[in-house]
Amino acid sequence: MKKIGFIGGGNMAAAIIGGILSSKLTAPSNIIVSGPTEEKLRKLEEKLHVVITTDNKEAASASDILFLSTKPAVYPVVIKEIKDSLRTDAAIVSIAAGQSIRQVESLFESNIQLARVMPNTPALVGSAMSAVSPNQFLTEENLQEVLSIFCSMGKAEVIPESMMDAVTGVSGSSPAFVYLFIEAMADAAVAEGMPRDLAYEFASQAVLGSAKMVLETKQNPGVLKDAVCSPGGTTIEGVCVLERKGMRDAVISAVRASAEKSREMGKDKKESK
């Protein structure tokens, strides 16, 4: 079994490790996590039974697949520290927003095997949607290993890096938009006399079930929407209100704004080099 390392032991790292272990891709003893705070690492050790260390070089040298799961701002410092400790055939996985393949490669100053990955926060409950972009040096074997890891906590697709800004909008940032939608529906239900906890349950399950219908039936969402809208009924009345209020335009604008912000973040980093 391959050794898997994590530089950084935050929530996303814990979610990925949880997926790996629940899918039995490897044993806890084959996972090593490094971080600056021993107390935080101890909690991870107690919960997931992984190997921990405060030495980033130790994690790097022990790993066949190494996740860079720190904040983007500390990438230059961490990579400078570990780059000479890597195994020659190791695969690097970067999950930091706004860090392009070219930028990460330039920090390592060598022809590393690299996958740029953008998961989203539903990874914490095993329902992530992850986009995976490999660089030219990543072997097919290691790409499949990376995909299996991210599929263990939801769904994963290989995409060209040019789509990463779109991914930021449509899956990276969009959970926040969905939470706003759920909250608004629940507020309306409360206004109609439903208790708050029950309102959240009904609204959340409606969103979950609707998304599942799209994924499992493979039908166009517009077709599924039309099937619910009986002539002169309650649903089409609500849909007309959403159209008058500009819901469709607001959602499109929000997703594209997130994508544009992602592009701006990438440009800022390039210009600062």
Protein backbone atom coordinates (compact mmCIF):
# COMPACT_ATOMS: atom_id res chain seq x y z
CA MET A 1 0.00 0.00 0.00
CA LYS A 2 1.25 3.47 -0.85
CA LYS A 3 2.19 5.89 1.89
CA ILE A 4 0.05 9.04 1.88
CA GLY A 5 1.22 12.24 3.54
CA PHE A 6 -0.44 15.53 4.46
CA ILE A 7 1.34 18.80 5.11
CA GLY A 8 -1.35 20.43 7.22
CA GLY A 9 -4.06 18.71 9.25
CA GLY A 10 -7.07 20.99 8.92
CA ASN A 11 -10.71 20.19 8.16
CA MET A 12 -10.19 19.36 4.48
CA ALA A 13 -7.23 17.08 5.25
CA ALA A 14 -9.33 15.32 7.91
CA ALA A 15 -12.18 14.90 5.41
CA ILE A 16 -9.87 13.38 2.79
CA ILE A 17 -8.30 11.05 5.34
CA GLY A 18 -11.76 10.02 6.52
CA GLY A 19 -12.72 9.11 2.95
CA ILE A 20 -9.51 7.13 2.44
CA LEU A 21 -10.05 5.14 5.63
CA SER A 22 -13.78 4.54 5.17
CA SER A 23 -13.10 3.19 1.67
CA LYS A 24 -10.22 1.08 3.00
CA LEU A 25 -7.83 2.44 0.36
CA THR A 26 -5.02 2.08 2.88
CA ALA A 27 -4.45 1.56 6.60
CA PRO A 28 -4.12 4.43 9.12
CA SER A 29 -0.50 3.40 9.69
CA ASN A 30 0.23 4.32 6.04
CA ILE A 31 -0.97 7.92 6.50
CA ILE A 32 1.29 10.57 8.01
CA VAL A 33 0.19 14.10 8.86
CA SER A 34 2.46 17.00 9.75
CA GLY A 35 1.58 20.35 11.27
CA PRO A 36 2.95 23.04 13.55
CA THR A 37 0.64 22.36 16.51
CA GLU A 38 1.14 19.08 18.32
CA GLU A 39 -2.09 19.46 20.31
CA LYS A 40 -4.16 19.65 17.12
CA LEU A 41 -2.27 16.72 15.61
CA ARG A 42 -2.91 14.64 18.73
CA LYS A 43 -6.67 15.07 18.24
CA LEU A 44 -6.31 13.84 14.67
CA GLU A 45 -4.26 10.88 15.88
CA GLU A 46 -6.87 9.97 18.49
CA LYS A 47 -9.75 10.22 16.03
CA LEU A 48 -8.22 8.62 12.92
CA HIS A 49 -5.21 6.69 14.33
CA VAL A 50 -2.84 8.13 11.72
CA VAL A 51 0.87 8.80 12.19
CA ILE A 52 1.63 12.41 13.17
CA THR A 53 4.71 14.60 13.20
CA THR A 54 5.63 18.27 13.57
CA ASP A 55 8.41 17.76 11.01
CA ASN A 56 7.21 18.53 7.47
CA LYS A 57 10.35 16.96 6.00
CA GLU A 58 9.56 13.67 7.71
CA ALA A 59 6.07 13.62 6.16
CA ALA A 60 7.46 14.51 2.73
CA SER A 61 10.19 11.87 2.73
CA ALA A 62 7.78 9.15 3.89
CA SER A 63 5.08 9.75 1.25
CA ASP A 64 4.35 8.25 -2.16
CA ILE A 65 1.47 10.73 -2.49
CA LEU A 66 1.84 14.04 -0.66
CA PHE A 67 -1.03 16.47 -0.10
CA LEU A 68 -0.24 20.16 0.32
CA SER A 69 -3.18 21.01 2.57
CA THR A 70 -1.93 24.26 4.07
CA LYS A 71 -3.15 27.78 3.35
CA PRO A 72 -1.96 29.12 -0.03
CA ALA A 73 -0.03 31.95 1.63
CA VAL A 74 2.42 29.53 3.26
CA TYR A 75 3.06 27.44 0.13
CA PRO A 76 6.39 29.19 -0.65
CA VAL A 77 7.73 28.55 2.86
CA VAL A 78 6.52 24.95 3.12
CA ILE A 79 7.65 23.94 -0.37
CA LYS A 80 11.10 25.45 0.16
CA GLU A 81 11.35 23.40 3.34
CA ILE A 82 10.31 20.03 1.87
CA LYS A 83 11.35 20.07 -1.80
CA ASP A 84 14.70 18.34 -1.20
CA SER A 85 13.07 15.65 0.97
CA LEU A 86 10.64 14.32 -1.62
CA ARG A 87 10.85 10.83 -3.05
CA THR A 88 11.86 10.96 -6.71
CA ASP A 89 8.65 9.24 -7.84
CA ALA A 90 6.29 10.97 -5.40
CA ALA A 91 3.04 12.55 -6.58
CA ILE A 92 2.13 15.97 -5.16
CA VAL A 93 -1.50 17.02 -4.69
CA SER A 94 -2.23 20.73 -4.33
CA ILE A 95 -5.67 21.67 -2.98
CA ALA A 96 -5.06 25.40 -2.49
CA ALA A 97 -7.33 27.87 -4.27
CA GLY A 98 -5.63 30.23 -6.71
CA GLN A 99 -2.42 28.20 -7.00
CA SER A 100 -1.89 27.20 -10.63
CA ILE A 101 0.10 24.18 -11.75
CA ARG A 102 2.77 26.50 -13.15
CA GLN A 103 3.07 28.41 -9.87
CA VAL A 104 3.46 25.27 -7.77
CA GLU A 105 5.95 23.76 -10.21
CA SER A 106 8.03 26.93 -10.08
CA LEU A 107 8.19 26.74 -6.28
CA PHE A 108 9.53 23.18 -6.42
CA GLU A 109 12.01 24.15 -9.17
CA SER A 110 11.89 20.63 -10.63
CA ASN A 111 9.77 18.38 -12.84
CA ILE A 112 7.45 17.10 -10.13
CA GLN A 113 4.43 14.88 -10.60
CA LEU A 114 1.58 17.22 -9.67
CA ALA A 115 -2.21 17.20 -9.53
CA ARG A 116 -4.08 20.41 -8.87
CA VAL A 117 -7.36 19.52 -7.17
CA MET A 118 -10.32 21.58 -6.07
CA PRO A 119 -12.66 19.71 -3.70
CA ASN A 120 -15.50 21.49 -1.92
CA THR A 121 -16.75 21.59 1.67
CA PRO A 122 -19.34 18.78 1.29
CA ALA A 123 -16.23 16.58 1.47
CA LEU A 124 -16.77 16.85 5.23
CA VAL A 125 -19.90 14.68 4.85
CA GLY A 126 -18.61 12.43 2.06
CA SER A 127 -20.39 14.28 -0.76
CA ALA A 128 -17.64 16.33 -2.39
CA MET A 129 -17.40 17.30 -6.03
CA SER A 130 -13.69 17.45 -6.85
CA ALA A 131 -11.97 18.67 -10.01
CA VAL A 132 -8.58 17.10 -10.79
CA SER A 133 -6.05 18.62 -13.22
CA PRO A 134 -2.80 16.68 -13.71
CA ASN A 135 0.42 18.20 -14.98
CA GLN A 136 2.37 16.65 -17.83
CA PHE A 137 4.63 14.62 -15.53
CA LEU A 138 1.95 12.86 -13.46
CA THR A 139 1.88 9.18 -14.37
CA GLU A 140 -1.40 7.47 -15.24
CA GLU A 141 -0.96 5.19 -12.23
CA ASN A 142 -0.61 8.10 -9.84
CA LEU A 143 -3.50 9.96 -11.49
CA GLN A 144 -5.75 6.97 -10.88
CA GLU A 145 -4.55 6.80 -7.26
CA VAL A 146 -5.44 10.47 -6.77
CA LEU A 147 -8.84 9.98 -8.39
CA SER A 148 -9.60 6.99 -6.17
CA ILE A 149 -8.80 9.09 -3.11
CA PHE A 150 -11.17 11.88 -4.08
CA CYS A 151 -13.87 9.48 -5.23
CA SER A 152 -13.74 8.00 -1.73
CA MET A 153 -15.34 11.19 -0.39
CA GLY A 154 -17.78 11.94 -3.20
CA LYS A 155 -17.33 12.42 -6.94
CA ALA A 156 -14.24 13.46 -8.91
CA GLU A 157 -13.63 14.37 -12.55
CA VAL A 158 -10.45 15.04 -14.52
CA ILE A 159 -10.65 18.46 -16.19
CA PRO A 160 -8.22 20.73 -18.03
CA GLU A 161 -6.78 23.39 -15.75
CA SER A 162 -8.38 26.09 -17.91
CA MET A 163 -11.74 25.09 -16.36
CA MET A 164 -10.61 25.57 -12.75
CA ASP A 165 -12.05 29.11 -12.47
CA ALA A 166 -15.42 27.80 -13.68
CA VAL A 167 -15.16 24.98 -11.11
CA THR A 168 -14.61 27.59 -8.40
CA GLY A 169 -17.95 29.14 -9.23
CA VAL A 170 -20.07 26.10 -9.97
CA SER A 171 -18.90 23.81 -7.14
CA GLY A 172 -16.22 25.48 -5.01
CA SER A 173 -18.21 28.56 -3.95
CA SER A 174 -21.73 27.40 -4.75
CA PRO A 175 -22.40 25.49 -1.50
CA ALA A 176 -22.67 28.92 0.14
CA PHE A 177 -25.27 29.92 -2.47
CA VAL A 178 -27.24 26.74 -1.77
CA TYR A 179 -27.11 27.40 1.98
CA LEU A 180 -28.59 30.86 1.34
CA PHE A 181 -31.37 29.25 -0.70
CA ILE A 182 -32.12 26.71 2.02
CA GLU A 183 -32.12 29.41 4.68
CA ALA A 184 -34.49 31.59 2.66
CA MET A 185 -36.92 28.72 2.04
CA ALA A 186 -36.84 27.83 5.73
CA ASP A 187 -37.49 31.46 6.70
CA ALA A 188 -40.55 31.45 4.46
CA ALA A 189 -41.79 28.21 6.03
CA VAL A 190 -41.32 29.70 9.50
CA ALA A 191 -43.32 32.74 8.37
CA GLU A 192 -46.05 30.28 7.35
CA GLY A 193 -46.07 28.77 10.85
CA MET A 194 -43.58 25.87 10.64
CA PRO A 195 -41.08 25.38 13.52
CA ARG A 196 -37.50 26.39 12.57
CA ASP A 197 -35.90 22.94 12.96
CA LEU A 198 -38.60 21.30 10.88
CA ALA A 199 -38.34 24.04 8.25
CA TYR A 200 -34.60 23.42 7.84
CA GLU A 201 -35.22 19.68 7.53
CA PHE A 202 -37.90 20.05 4.86
CA ALA A 203 -35.96 22.64 2.85
CA SER A 204 -32.66 20.70 3.04
CA GLN A 205 -34.21 17.38 2.08
CA ALA A 206 -35.99 19.03 -0.85
CA VAL A 207 -32.67 20.36 -2.17
CA LEU A 208 -30.93 17.01 -1.58
CA GLY A 209 -33.68 15.05 -3.30
CA SER A 210 -33.86 17.44 -6.25
CA ALA A 211 -30.11 17.23 -6.82
CA LYS A 212 -30.30 13.44 -6.62
CA MET A 213 -33.04 13.45 -9.28
CA VAL A 214 -30.76 15.37 -11.66
CA LEU A 215 -27.79 13.08 -11.03
CA GLU A 216 -29.65 9.78 -11.20
CA THR A 217 -32.14 10.44 -14.00
CA LYS A 218 -29.59 12.37 -16.14
CA GLN A 219 -32.49 14.52 -17.31
CA ASN A 220 -32.16 18.22 -18.08
CA PRO A 221 -33.09 20.22 -14.95
CA GLY A 222 -35.50 22.24 -17.08
CA VAL A 223 -37.39 19.05 -17.99
CA LEU A 224 -37.60 18.03 -14.32
CA LYS A 225 -38.79 21.52 -13.42
CA ASP A 226 -41.53 21.39 -16.06
CA ALA A 227 -42.70 18.02 -14.71
CA VAL A 228 -43.45 19.63 -11.33
CA CYS A 229 -45.23 22.66 -12.79
CA SER A 230 -48.86 21.66 -13.30
CA PRO A 231 -50.94 24.13 -15.36
CA GLY A 232 -52.38 26.78 -13.08
CA GLY A 233 -50.81 25.10 -10.04
CA THR A 234 -48.89 26.20 -6.98
CA THR A 235 -45.41 25.45 -8.33
CA ILE A 236 -45.65 27.44 -11.56
CA GLU A 237 -46.96 30.36 -9.51
CA GLY A 238 -43.80 30.27 -7.39
CA VAL A 239 -41.57 29.82 -10.46
CA CYS A 240 -43.12 32.93 -12.03
CA VAL A 241 -42.26 34.93 -8.91
CA LEU A 242 -38.64 33.70 -8.98
CA GLU A 243 -38.38 34.68 -12.66
CA ARG A 244 -39.84 38.14 -12.00
CA LYS A 245 -37.40 38.64 -9.12
CA GLY A 246 -34.44 37.68 -11.32
CA MET A 247 -33.35 34.49 -9.57
CA ARG A 248 -31.83 32.95 -12.69
CA ASP A 249 -29.82 36.09 -13.49
CA ALA A 250 -28.70 36.45 -9.86
CA VAL A 251 -27.38 32.87 -9.73
CA ILE A 252 -25.58 33.16 -13.06
CA SER A 253 -24.03 36.44 -11.95
CA ALA A 254 -22.92 35.00 -8.60
CA VAL A 255 -21.24 31.94 -10.16
CA ARG A 256 -19.47 34.07 -12.77
CA ALA A 257 -18.38 36.59 -10.11
CA SER A 258 -16.77 33.77 -8.12
CA ALA A 259 -15.02 32.53 -11.26
CA GLU A 260 -13.77 36.02 -12.06
CA LYS A 261 -12.46 36.47 -8.50
CA SER A 262 -10.58 33.18 -8.91
CA ARG A 263 -8.98 34.51 -12.11
CA GLU A 264 -8.02 37.75 -10.35
CA MET A 265 -6.41 35.85 -7.46
CA GLY A 266 -4.32 33.86 -9.94
CA LYS A 267 -3.24 37.03 -11.76
CA ASP A 268 -2.26 38.71 -8.50
CA LYS A 269 0.00 35.80 -7.62
CA LYS A 270 1.62 35.78 -11.06
CA GLU A 271 2.31 39.51 -10.91
CA SER A 272 3.89 39.22 -7.46
CA LYS A 273 6.46 36.70 -8.67
